[in-house]
Structure formats: structure tokens, C-alpha cells
PDB file of N, CA and C in Angstrom:
ATOM      1  N   UNK A   1     125.876 133.383  49.937  1.00  0.00           N
ATOM      2  CA  UNK A   1     124.934 132.903  50.651  1.00  0.00           C
ATOM      3  C   UNK A   1     125.271 132.646  52.060  1.00  0.00           C
ATOM      4  N   UNK A   2     124.505 133.022  53.179  1.00  0.00           N
ATOM      5  CA  UNK A   2     124.962 132.935  54.482  1.00  0.00           C
ATOM      6  C   UNK A   2     124.540 131.851  55.174  1.00  0.00           C
ATOM      7  N   UNK A   3     125.258 130.978  55.907  1.00  0.00           N
ATOM      8  CA  UNK A   3     125.148 130.156  56.720  1.00  0.00           C
ATOM      9  C   UNK A   3     124.623 130.246  57.844  1.00  0.00           C
ATOM     10  N   UNK A   4     123.698 129.561  58.486  1.00  0.00           N
ATOM     11  CA  UNK A   4     122.713 129.841  59.338  1.00  0.00           C
ATOM     12  C   UNK A   4     123.706 128.918  60.653  1.00  0.00           C
ATOM     13  N   UNK A   5     123.860 129.610  61.933  1.00  0.00           N
ATOM     14  CA  UNK A   5     124.382 128.622  62.972  1.00  0.00           C
ATOM     15  C   UNK A   5     123.121 128.290  63.941  1.00  0.00           C
ATOM     16  N   UNK A   6     122.949 126.837  64.274  1.00  0.00           N
ATOM     17  CA  UNK A   6     121.966 126.345  64.933  1.00  0.00           C
ATOM     18  C   UNK A   6     122.584 126.040  66.324  1.00  0.00           C
ATOM     19  N   UNK A   7     121.889 126.383  67.325  1.00  0.00           N
ATOM     20  CA  UNK A   7     122.378 126.203  68.892  1.00  0.00           C
ATOM     21  C   UNK A   7     121.423 125.342  69.454  1.00  0.00           C
ATOM     22  N   UNK A   8     122.081 124.434  69.927  1.00  0.00           N
ATOM     23  CA  UNK A   8     121.253 123.283  71.034  1.00  0.00           C
ATOM     24  C   UNK A   8     120.509 124.181  72.210  1.00  0.00           C
ATOM     25  N   UNK A   9     119.610 123.895  72.801  1.00  0.00           N
ATOM     26  CA  UNK A   9     119.128 124.471  73.848  1.00  0.00           C
ATOM     27  C   UNK A   9     120.083 124.038  75.175  1.00  0.00           C
ATOM     28  N   UNK A  10     120.335 124.923  75.928  1.00  0.00           N
ATOM     29  CA  UNK A  10     121.100 124.767  77.194  1.00  0.00           C
ATOM     30  C   UNK A  10     120.700 123.699  78.505  1.00  0.00           C
ATOM     31  N   UNK A  11     119.186 124.239  78.434  1.00  0.00           N
ATOM     32  CA  UNK A  11     118.289 123.346  79.502  1.00  0.00           C
ATOM     33  C   UNK A  11     118.498 124.040  80.814  1.00  0.00           C
ATOM     34  N   UNK A  12     119.135 125.055  80.993  1.00  0.00           N
ATOM     35  CA  UNK A  12     119.311 125.650  82.188  1.00  0.00           C
ATOM     36  C   UNK A  12     117.880 126.619  82.616  1.00  0.00           C
ATOM     37  N   UNK A  13     117.041 126.321  83.610  1.00  0.00           N
ATOM     38  CA  UNK A  13     116.178 127.206  83.804  1.00  0.00           C
ATOM     39  C   UNK A  13     116.569 128.663  84.432  1.00  0.00           C
ATOM     40  N   UNK A  14     115.521 129.482  84.011  1.00  0.00           N
ATOM     41  CA  UNK A  14     115.680 130.866  84.342  1.00  0.00           C
ATOM     42  C   UNK A  14     116.414 131.813  83.607  1.00  0.00           C
ATOM     43  N   UNK A  15     116.983 131.139  82.359  1.00  0.00           N
ATOM     44  CA  UNK A  15     117.676 132.211  81.542  1.00  0.00           C
ATOM     45  C   UNK A  15     116.783 133.056  80.827  1.00  0.00           C
ATOM     46  N   UNK A  16     117.659 133.883  80.128  1.00  0.00           N
ATOM     47  CA  UNK A  16     116.689 134.882  79.110  1.00  0.00           C
ATOM     48  C   UNK A  16     116.380 134.077  77.826  1.00  0.00           C
ATOM     49  N   UNK A  17     117.164 133.512  77.433  1.00  0.00           N
ATOM     50  CA  UNK A  17     117.576 132.672  76.163  1.00  0.00           C
ATOM     51  C   UNK A  17     117.712 131.161  76.262  1.00  0.00           C
ATOM     52  N   UNK A  18     116.945 130.535  75.661  1.00  0.00           N
ATOM     53  CA  UNK A  18     117.056 128.878  75.955  1.00  0.00           C
ATOM     54  C   UNK A  18     118.393 128.268  75.158  1.00  0.00           C
ATOM     55  N   UNK A  19     119.136 128.983  74.353  1.00  0.00           N
ATOM     56  CA  UNK A  19     120.488 128.777  73.614  1.00  0.00           C
ATOM     57  C   UNK A  19     121.475 129.205  74.213  1.00  0.00           C
ATOM     58  N   UNK A  20     121.638 130.395  74.586  1.00  0.00           N
ATOM     59  CA  UNK A  20     122.675 131.004  74.858  1.00  0.00           C
ATOM     60  C   UNK A  20     122.430 131.698  76.415  1.00  0.00           C
ATOM     61  N   UNK A  21     123.536 130.937  77.520  1.00  0.00           N
ATOM     62  CA  UNK A  21     123.375 131.504  78.938  1.00  0.00           C
ATOM     63  C   UNK A  21     123.517 132.886  79.201  1.00  0.00           C
ATOM     64  N   UNK A  22     122.854 133.172  79.989  1.00  0.00           N
ATOM     65  CA  UNK A  22     123.104 134.567  80.421  1.00  0.00           C
ATOM     66  C   UNK A  22     124.427 135.195  80.647  1.00  0.00           C
ATOM     67  N   UNK A  23     125.178 134.322  81.205  1.00  0.00           N
ATOM     68  CA  UNK A  23     126.700 134.647  81.367  1.00  0.00           C
ATOM     69  C   UNK A  23     127.545 134.743  80.326  1.00  0.00           C
ATOM     70  N   UNK A  24     126.735 134.202  79.107  1.00  0.00           N
ATOM     71  CA  UNK A  24     127.732 134.418  78.007  1.00  0.00           C
ATOM     72  C   UNK A  24     126.875 135.407  77.089  1.00  0.00           C
ATOM     73  N   UNK A  25     125.996 136.315  77.288  1.00  0.00           N
ATOM     74  CA  UNK A  25     125.559 137.346  76.517  1.00  0.00           C
ATOM     75  C   UNK A  25     125.722 138.790  76.852  1.00  0.00           C
ATOM     76  N   UNK A  26     124.974 139.508  76.065  1.00  0.00           N
ATOM     77  CA  UNK A  26     125.048 140.908  76.313  1.00  0.00           C
ATOM     78  C   UNK A  26     124.327 141.500  77.777  1.00  0.00           C
ATOM     79  N   UNK A  27     123.508 140.790  78.054  1.00  0.00           N
ATOM     80  CA  UNK A  27     122.758 141.072  79.427  1.00  0.00           C
ATOM     81  C   UNK A  27     123.568 141.024  80.787  1.00  0.00           C
ATOM     82  N   UNK A  28     124.802 140.192  80.717  1.00  0.00           N
ATOM     83  CA  UNK A  28     125.607 140.268  81.799  1.00  0.00           C
ATOM     84  C   UNK A  28     126.994 140.686  81.431  1.00  0.00           C
ATOM     85  N   UNK A  29     127.064 141.566  80.307  1.00  0.00           N
ATOM     86  CA  UNK A  29     128.333 141.446  79.690  1.00  0.00           C
ATOM     87  C   UNK A  29     129.268 140.627  79.533  1.00  0.00           C
ATOM     88  N   UNK A  30     128.899 139.364  79.211  1.00  0.00           N
ATOM     89  CA  UNK A  30     129.696 138.194  79.110  1.00  0.00           C
ATOM     90  C   UNK A  30     130.005 137.966  80.493  1.00  0.00           C
ATOM     91  N   UNK A  31     129.468 137.714  81.458  1.00  0.00           N
ATOM     92  CA  UNK A  31     129.780 137.316  82.801  1.00  0.00           C
ATOM     93  C   UNK A  31     130.283 138.275  83.522  1.00  0.00           C
ATOM     94  N   UNK A  32     130.520 139.772  83.356  1.00  0.00           N
ATOM     95  CA  UNK A  32     131.106 140.517  84.230  1.00  0.00           C
ATOM     96  C   UNK A  32     130.265 141.051  85.361  1.00  0.00           C
ATOM     97  N   UNK A  33     128.623 141.128  85.307  1.00  0.00           N
ATOM     98  CA  UNK A  33     128.252 141.559  86.249  1.00  0.00           C
ATOM     99  C   UNK A  33     126.471 140.739  86.056  1.00  0.00           C
ATOM    100  N   UNK A  34     125.846 141.006  87.113  1.00  0.00           N
ATOM    101  CA  UNK A  34     124.520 140.321  87.150  1.00  0.00           C
ATOM    102  C   UNK A  34     123.409 140.733  86.005  1.00  0.00           C
ATOM    103  N   UNK A  35     122.790 139.946  85.552  1.00  0.00           N
ATOM    104  CA  UNK A  35     121.831 140.028  84.885  1.00  0.00           C
ATOM    105  C   UNK A  35     120.980 141.498  84.571  1.00  0.00           C
ATOM    106  N   UNK A  36     120.983 142.123  83.446  1.00  0.00           N
ATOM    107  CA  UNK A  36     120.424 143.551  83.411  1.00  0.00           C
ATOM    108  C   UNK A  36     119.071 143.369  82.240  1.00  0.00           C
ATOM    109  N   UNK A  37     118.078 143.669  82.388  1.00  0.00           N
ATOM    110  CA  UNK A  37     117.060 143.765  81.588  1.00  0.00           C
ATOM    111  C   UNK A  37     116.302 144.920  81.384  1.00  0.00           C
ATOM    112  N   UNK A  38     116.472 145.738  80.367  1.00  0.00           N
ATOM    113  CA  UNK A  38     116.015 147.220  80.409  1.00  0.00           C
ATOM    114  C   UNK A  38     114.198 147.001  79.579  1.00  0.00           C
ATOM    115  N   UNK A  39     113.452 148.164  80.318  1.00  0.00           N
ATOM    116  CA  UNK A  39     112.461 148.335  80.035  1.00  0.00           C
ATOM    117  C   UNK A  39     111.918 149.956  79.662  1.00  0.00           C
ATOM    118  N   UNK A  40     111.102 150.101  78.801  1.00  0.00           N
ATOM    119  CA  UNK A  40     110.704 151.621  78.550  1.00  0.00           C
ATOM    120  C   UNK A  40     109.438 151.664  79.289  1.00  0.00           C
ATOM    121  N   UNK A  41     109.007 152.765  79.969  1.00  0.00           N
ATOM    122  CA  UNK A  41     107.925 153.094  80.666  1.00  0.00           C
ATOM    123  C   UNK A  41     107.377 154.426  79.845  1.00  0.00           C
ATOM    124  N   UNK A  42     106.899 154.381  78.731  1.00  0.00           N
ATOM    125  CA  UNK A  42     106.484 155.491  77.748  1.00  0.00           C
ATOM    126  C   UNK A  42     105.645 156.676  78.697  1.00  0.00           C
ATOM    127  N   UNK A  43     104.529 156.137  79.494  1.00  0.00           N
ATOM    128  CA  UNK A  43     103.809 157.261  80.126  1.00  0.00           C
ATOM    129  C   UNK A  43     104.769 158.238  81.341  1.00  0.00           C
ATOM    130  N   UNK A  44     105.657 157.678  81.603  1.00  0.00           N
ATOM    131  CA  UNK A  44     106.686 158.239  82.495  1.00  0.00           C
ATOM    132  C   UNK A  44     108.096 158.838  81.934  1.00  0.00           C
ATOM    133  N   UNK A  45     108.246 158.522  80.656  1.00  0.00           N
ATOM    134  CA  UNK A  45     109.301 158.970  80.059  1.00  0.00           C
ATOM    135  C   UNK A  45     110.762 158.536  80.192  1.00  0.00           C
ATOM    136  N   UNK A  46     110.709 157.272  81.177  1.00  0.00           N
ATOM    137  CA  UNK A  46     111.667 156.935  81.690  1.00  0.00           C
ATOM    138  C   UNK A  46     112.017 155.452  81.051  1.00  0.00           C
ATOM    139  N   UNK A  47     113.080 154.941  81.441  1.00  0.00           N
ATOM    140  CA  UNK A  47     114.028 153.757  81.215  1.00  0.00           C
ATOM    141  C   UNK A  47     114.131 153.090  82.744  1.00  0.00           C
ATOM    142  N   UNK A  48     113.698 151.646  82.784  1.00  0.00           N
ATOM    143  CA  UNK A  48     113.950 150.945  84.011  1.00  0.00           C
ATOM    144  C   UNK A  48     114.729 149.935  83.748  1.00  0.00           C
ATOM    145  N   UNK A  49     115.967 149.790  84.269  1.00  0.00           N
ATOM    146  CA  UNK A  49     116.576 148.557  84.216  1.00  0.00           C
ATOM    147  C   UNK A  49     116.686 147.519  85.287  1.00  0.00           C
ATOM    148  N   UNK A  50     116.287 146.494  85.203  1.00  0.00           N
ATOM    149  CA  UNK A  50     116.072 145.582  86.214  1.00  0.00           C
ATOM    150  C   UNK A  50     117.506 144.736  86.700  1.00  0.00           C
ATOM    151  N   UNK A  51     118.008 144.737  87.760  1.00  0.00           N
ATOM    152  CA  UNK A  51     119.070 143.916  87.709  1.00  0.00           C
ATOM    153  C   UNK A  51     118.904 142.922  88.577  1.00  0.00           C
ATOM    154  N   UNK A  52     119.249 141.482  88.193  1.00  0.00           N
ATOM    155  CA  UNK A  52     118.801 140.461  88.883  1.00  0.00           C
ATOM    156  C   UNK A  52     120.029 139.798  89.059  1.00  0.00           C
ATOM    157  N   UNK A  53     119.806 139.319  90.710  1.00  0.00           N
ATOM    158  CA  UNK A  53     121.151 138.927  91.472  1.00  0.00           C
ATOM    159  C   UNK A  53     121.197 137.300  91.013  1.00  0.00           C
ATOM    160  N   UNK A  54     122.136 137.099  89.866  1.00  0.00           N
ATOM    161  CA  UNK A  54     122.239 135.490  89.461  1.00  0.00           C
ATOM    162  C   UNK A  54     123.788 134.944  89.976  1.00  0.00           C
ATOM    163  N   UNK A  55     124.416 135.921  90.974  1.00  0.00           N
ATOM    164  CA  UNK A  55     125.633 135.461  91.742  1.00  0.00           C
ATOM    165  C   UNK A  55     126.620 135.766  91.069  1.00  0.00           C
ATOM    166  N   UNK A  56     126.517 136.994  90.138  1.00  0.00           N
ATOM    167  CA  UNK A  56     127.561 137.601  89.615  1.00  0.00           C
ATOM    168  C   UNK A  56     127.805 139.178  90.313  1.00  0.00           C
ATOM    169  N   UNK A  57     128.903 139.724  90.206  1.00  0.00           N
ATOM    170  CA  UNK A  57     128.947 141.007  90.804  1.00  0.00           C
ATOM    171  C   UNK A  57     127.814 142.185  90.437  1.00  0.00           C
ATOM    172  N   UNK A  58     127.406 143.186  91.013  1.00  0.00           N
ATOM    173  CA  UNK A  58     126.638 143.951  90.760  1.00  0.00           C
ATOM    174  C   UNK A  58     127.057 144.677  89.723  1.00  0.00           C
ATOM    175  N   UNK A  59     126.271 145.173  88.941  1.00  0.00           N
ATOM    176  CA  UNK A  59     126.584 146.489  87.833  1.00  0.00           C
ATOM    177  C   UNK A  59     127.064 147.772  88.515  1.00  0.00           C
ATOM    178  N   UNK A  60     127.968 148.279  87.487  1.00  0.00           N
ATOM    179  CA  UNK A  60     128.222 149.686  87.856  1.00  0.00           C
ATOM    180  C   UNK A  60     127.437 150.628  86.713  1.00  0.00           C
ATOM    181  N   UNK A  61     127.465 151.969  87.246  1.00  0.00           N
ATOM    182  CA  UNK A  61     126.595 152.856  86.254  1.00  0.00           C
ATOM    183  C   UNK A  61     127.276 152.732  84.925  1.00  0.00           C
ATOM    184  N   UNK A  62     128.337 152.571  84.602  1.00  0.00           N
ATOM    185  CA  UNK A  62     128.987 152.371  83.376  1.00  0.00           C
ATOM    186  C   UNK A  62     128.273 151.072  82.579  1.00  0.00           C
ATOM    187  N   UNK A  63     128.453 149.766  83.215  1.00  0.00           N
ATOM    188  CA  UNK A  63     127.830 148.798  83.123  1.00  0.00           C
ATOM    189  C   UNK A  63     126.216 148.732  82.694  1.00  0.00           C
ATOM    190  N   UNK A  64     125.359 149.872  83.313  1.00  0.00           N
ATOM    191  CA  UNK A  64     124.122 149.974  83.051  1.00  0.00           C
ATOM    192  C   UNK A  64     124.119 150.619  81.750  1.00  0.00           C
ATOM    193  N   UNK A  65     124.563 151.730  81.801  1.00  0.00           N
ATOM    194  CA  UNK A  65     124.677 152.462  80.488  1.00  0.00           C
ATOM    195  C   UNK A  65     124.849 151.988  79.258  1.00  0.00           C
ATOM    196  N   UNK A  66     125.954 150.982  79.043  1.00  0.00           N
ATOM    197  CA  UNK A  66     126.357 150.283  78.013  1.00  0.00           C
ATOM    198  C   UNK A  66     125.413 149.182  77.713  1.00  0.00           C
ATOM    199  N   UNK A  67     124.697 148.454  78.396  1.00  0.00           N
ATOM    200  CA  UNK A  67     123.833 147.441  78.205  1.00  0.00           C
ATOM    201  C   UNK A  67     122.375 148.375  77.724  1.00  0.00           C
ATOM    202  N   UNK A  68     121.852 149.474  78.427  1.00  0.00           N
ATOM    203  CA  UNK A  68     120.859 150.200  77.922  1.00  0.00           C
ATOM    204  C   UNK A  68     121.013 151.244  76.676  1.00  0.00           C
ATOM    205  N   UNK A  69     122.196 151.505  76.225  1.00  0.00           N
ATOM    206  CA  UNK A  69     122.540 152.241  75.104  1.00  0.00           C
ATOM    207  C   UNK A  69     123.489 151.544  73.980  1.00  0.00           C
ATOM    208  N   UNK A  70     124.092 150.594  74.035  1.00  0.00           N
ATOM    209  CA  UNK A  70     124.658 149.914  73.077  1.00  0.00           C
ATOM    210  C   UNK A  70     124.390 148.615  72.823  1.00  0.00           C
ATOM    211  N   UNK A  71     123.284 148.186  73.227  1.00  0.00           N
ATOM    212  CA  UNK A  71     123.123 146.947  72.668  1.00  0.00           C
ATOM    213  C   UNK A  71     121.903 146.534  72.375  1.00  0.00           C
ATOM    214  N   UNK A  72     121.480 145.501  71.970  1.00  0.00           N
ATOM    215  CA  UNK A  72     119.660 145.263  71.502  1.00  0.00           C
ATOM    216  C   UNK A  72     118.799 145.698  72.251  1.00  0.00           C
ATOM    217  N   UNK A  73     118.946 146.145  73.685  1.00  0.00           N
ATOM    218  CA  UNK A  73     117.794 146.302  74.457  1.00  0.00           C
ATOM    219  C   UNK A  73     117.716 147.705  74.653  1.00  0.00           C
ATOM    220  N   UNK A  74     118.503 148.733  73.666  1.00  0.00           N
ATOM    221  CA  UNK A  74     118.363 149.953  73.582  1.00  0.00           C
ATOM    222  C   UNK A  74     116.743 150.375  73.206  1.00  0.00           C
ATOM    223  N   UNK A  75     116.217 151.066  74.019  1.00  0.00           N
ATOM    224  CA  UNK A  75     114.708 151.504  73.736  1.00  0.00           C
ATOM    225  C   UNK A  75     114.350 152.821  73.772  1.00  0.00           C
ATOM    226  N   UNK A  76     115.449 153.592  73.991  1.00  0.00           N
ATOM    227  CA  UNK A  76     115.091 155.305  74.108  1.00  0.00           C
ATOM    228  C   UNK A  76     115.422 155.732  72.764  1.00  0.00           C
ATOM    229  N   UNK A  77     115.140 156.859  72.205  1.00  0.00           N
ATOM    230  CA  UNK A  77     115.655 157.202  70.534  1.00  0.00           C
ATOM    231  C   UNK A  77     116.880 157.604  70.705  1.00  0.00           C
ATOM    232  N   UNK A  78     117.502 157.470  69.506  1.00  0.00           N
ATOM    233  CA  UNK A  78     118.607 157.432  69.081  1.00  0.00           C
ATOM    234  C   UNK A  78     119.568 158.624  69.477  1.00  0.00           C
ATOM    235  N   UNK A  79     118.733 159.844  69.421  1.00  0.00           N
ATOM    236  CA  UNK A  79     119.436 161.067  69.832  1.00  0.00           C
ATOM    237  C   UNK A  79     119.326 161.583  71.016  1.00  0.00           C
ATOM    238  N   UNK A  80     119.175 160.746  72.089  1.00  0.00           N
ATOM    239  CA  UNK A  80     118.954 160.807  73.554  1.00  0.00           C
ATOM    240  C   UNK A  80     120.015 160.443  74.037  1.00  0.00           C
ATOM    241  N   UNK A  81     119.955 160.682  75.698  1.00  0.00           N
ATOM    242  CA  UNK A  81     120.706 159.844  76.496  1.00  0.00           C
ATOM    243  C   UNK A  81     119.812 159.638  77.857  1.00  0.00           C
ATOM    244  N   UNK A  82     120.440 158.837  78.601  1.00  0.00           N
ATOM    245  CA  UNK A  82     119.299 158.526  79.696  1.00  0.00           C
ATOM    246  C   UNK A  82     120.089 159.100  81.137  1.00  0.00           C
ATOM    247  N   UNK A  83     119.300 159.655  82.167  1.00  0.00           N
ATOM    248  CA  UNK A  83     119.972 160.120  83.175  1.00  0.00           C
ATOM    249  C   UNK A  83     119.408 159.640  84.459  1.00  0.00           C
ATOM    250  N   UNK A  84     120.700 159.002  85.299  1.00  0.00           N
ATOM    251  CA  UNK A  84     119.978 158.485  86.577  1.00  0.00           C
ATOM    252  C   UNK A  84     119.373 159.173  87.458  1.00  0.00           C
ATOM    253  N   UNK A  85     118.089 158.423  87.904  1.00  0.00           N
ATOM    254  CA  UNK A  85     117.058 159.123  88.698  1.00  0.00           C
ATOM    255  C   UNK A  85     117.023 158.455  90.373  1.00  0.00           C
ATOM    256  N   UNK A  86     116.929 157.408  90.495  1.00  0.00           N
ATOM    257  CA  UNK A  86     116.692 156.645  91.588  1.00  0.00           C
ATOM    258  C   UNK A  86     116.990 154.948  91.577  1.00  0.00           C
ATOM    259  N   UNK A  87     117.107 154.168  92.602  1.00  0.00           N
ATOM    260  CA  UNK A  87     117.067 152.626  92.466  1.00  0.00           C
ATOM    261  C   UNK A  87     116.126 152.391  93.505  1.00  0.00           C
ATOM    262  N   UNK A  88     115.646 151.095  93.352  1.00  0.00           N
ATOM    263  CA  UNK A  88     114.369 150.709  94.311  1.00  0.00           C
ATOM    264  C   UNK A  88     114.977 149.231  94.549  1.00  0.00           C
ATOM    265  N   UNK A  89     114.929 148.913  95.584  1.00  0.00           N
ATOM    266  CA  UNK A  89     115.648 147.498  95.918  1.00  0.00           C
ATOM    267  C   UNK A  89     114.134 146.599  96.302  1.00  0.00           C
ATOM    268  N   UNK A  90     113.966 145.197  95.689  1.00  0.00           N
ATOM    269  CA  UNK A  90     112.997 144.413  96.304  1.00  0.00           C
ATOM    270  C   UNK A  90     113.127 143.870  97.554  1.00  0.00           C
ATOM    271  N   UNK A  91     112.199 143.637  97.972  1.00  0.00           N
ATOM    272  CA  UNK A  91     111.945 143.215  99.621  1.00  0.00           C
ATOM    273  C   UNK A  91     113.026 141.951  99.669  1.00  0.00           C
ATOM    274  N   UNK A  92     113.400 141.188  98.736  1.00  0.00           N
ATOM    275  CA  UNK A  92     114.161 139.817  98.881  1.00  0.00           C
ATOM    276  C   UNK A  92     115.512 140.620  98.629  1.00  0.00           C
ATOM    277  N   UNK A  93     115.637 141.791  98.197  1.00  0.00           N
ATOM    278  CA  UNK A  93     117.216 142.163  97.970  1.00  0.00           C
ATOM    279  C   UNK A  93     117.767 141.195  96.705  1.00  0.00           C
ATOM    280  N   UNK A  94     116.831 140.185  95.721  1.00  0.00           N
ATOM    281  CA  UNK A  94     117.279 139.657  94.734  1.00  0.00           C
ATOM    282  C   UNK A  94     117.488 140.712  93.353  1.00  0.00           C
ATOM    283  N   UNK A  95     116.606 141.811  93.593  1.00  0.00           N
ATOM    284  CA  UNK A  95     116.409 142.585  92.347  1.00  0.00           C
ATOM    285  C   UNK A  95     116.520 143.976  92.529  1.00  0.00           C
ATOM    286  N   UNK A  96     117.205 144.636  91.644  1.00  0.00           N
ATOM    287  CA  UNK A  96     117.379 146.157  91.865  1.00  0.00           C
ATOM    288  C   UNK A  96     116.797 146.733  90.714  1.00  0.00           C
ATOM    289  N   UNK A  97     116.043 147.925  90.962  1.00  0.00           N
ATOM    290  CA  UNK A  97     115.439 148.552  89.854  1.00  0.00           C
ATOM    291  C   UNK A  97     116.401 149.848  89.862  1.00  0.00           C
ATOM    292  N   UNK A  98     116.958 149.934  88.629  1.00  0.00           N
ATOM    293  CA  UNK A  98     117.650 151.311  88.475  1.00  0.00           C
ATOM    294  C   UNK A  98     116.622 152.160  87.478  1.00  0.00           C
ATOM    295  N   UNK A  99     116.192 153.586  87.812  1.00  0.00           N
ATOM    296  CA  UNK A  99     115.176 154.488  86.997  1.00  0.00           C
ATOM    297  C   UNK A  99     115.907 155.674  86.507  1.00  0.00           C
ATOM    298  N   UNK A 100     115.954 155.763  85.033  1.00  0.00           N
ATOM    299  CA  UNK A 100     116.540 156.599  84.217  1.00  0.00           C
ATOM    300  C   UNK A 100     115.269 157.504  83.766  1.00  0.00           C
ATOM    301  N   UNK A 101     115.616 158.822  83.565  1.00  0.00           N
ATOM    302  CA  UNK A 101     114.896 159.655  82.925  1.00  0.00           C
ATOM    303  C   UNK A 101     115.635 159.845  81.212  1.00  0.00           C
ATOM    304  N   UNK A 102     114.834 159.776  80.451  1.00  0.00           N
ATOM    305  CA  UNK A 102     115.268 160.048  78.864  1.00  0.00           C
ATOM    306  C   UNK A 102     115.341 161.497  78.786  1.00  0.00           C
ATOM    307  N   UNK A 103     116.417 161.904  78.269  1.00  0.00           N
ATOM    308  CA  UNK A 103     116.699 163.425  77.826  1.00  0.00           C
ATOM    309  C   UNK A 103     116.952 163.626  76.497  1.00  0.00           C
ATOM    310  N   UNK A 104     116.154 164.507  75.825  1.00  0.00           N
ATOM    311  CA  UNK A 104     116.227 164.811  74.148  1.00  0.00           C
ATOM    312  C   UNK A 104     115.875 163.627  73.425  1.00  0.00           C
ATOM    313  N   UNK A 105     116.144 163.892  72.125  1.00  0.00           N
ATOM    314  CA  UNK A 105     115.572 162.787  71.012  1.00  0.00           C
ATOM    315  C   UNK A 105     113.994 162.618  70.844  1.00  0.00           C
ATOM    316  N   UNK A 106     113.496 163.627  71.512  1.00  0.00           N
ATOM    317  CA  UNK A 106     111.692 163.682  71.257  1.00  0.00           C
ATOM    318  C   UNK A 106     111.207 163.926  69.977  1.00  0.00           C
TER     319      UNK A 106
END
């Protein structure tokens, strides 16, 4: 029989999860970099990774590849890879969108 672990809500607003702080999860590689959220744009055949400035260092390309390809946020086919195309910064400078093309695996 598998035991379930219950976590109490942390009460910190603006986090992805109500029980686990962003800095304690895969979205920041456990506090290594700012929060990364992965989105799939099916019509464009692309992956978009939004980086939110939460006071941690900015991510590297290796950090983004890890979060997009080796965590629960993977949204592209298993036998494919993603190739960096461009980045777009929000007017406030608090968010950066990293845009990737999906190659192979269709």
C-alpha cells in the first residue's frame, strides 16, 4: 500500500502551486533560476517558455532545455527536439518569452 503525503498550503500568493513554493520545484530547478512556464502553440508548431522574474538569476539555455524537455512540463513529442528561434521581452522587463521550433517527432 502506498502512503500519501499531505502538504499544507504555504499561503504565498503568486506561486504556481499552493503547497510547493516555486523555489522548491522544477519550475526554478529548485531555486537556481527564475520561474519557467512552458506553453505549446500547436498552430505555429512551437514551444514558448515564459520566464518570470521572481528575484532569482535569469535562466540559461541549458536550464530552459531541461525544464522544457525533462520535467512534467514537456509538451512536444517524445522523439523531437526544440530549437531556439527568438526571445521577446515584456515592456515591464519582468517576463521574457523564449520561442522554440519543434523539430522532428511528428
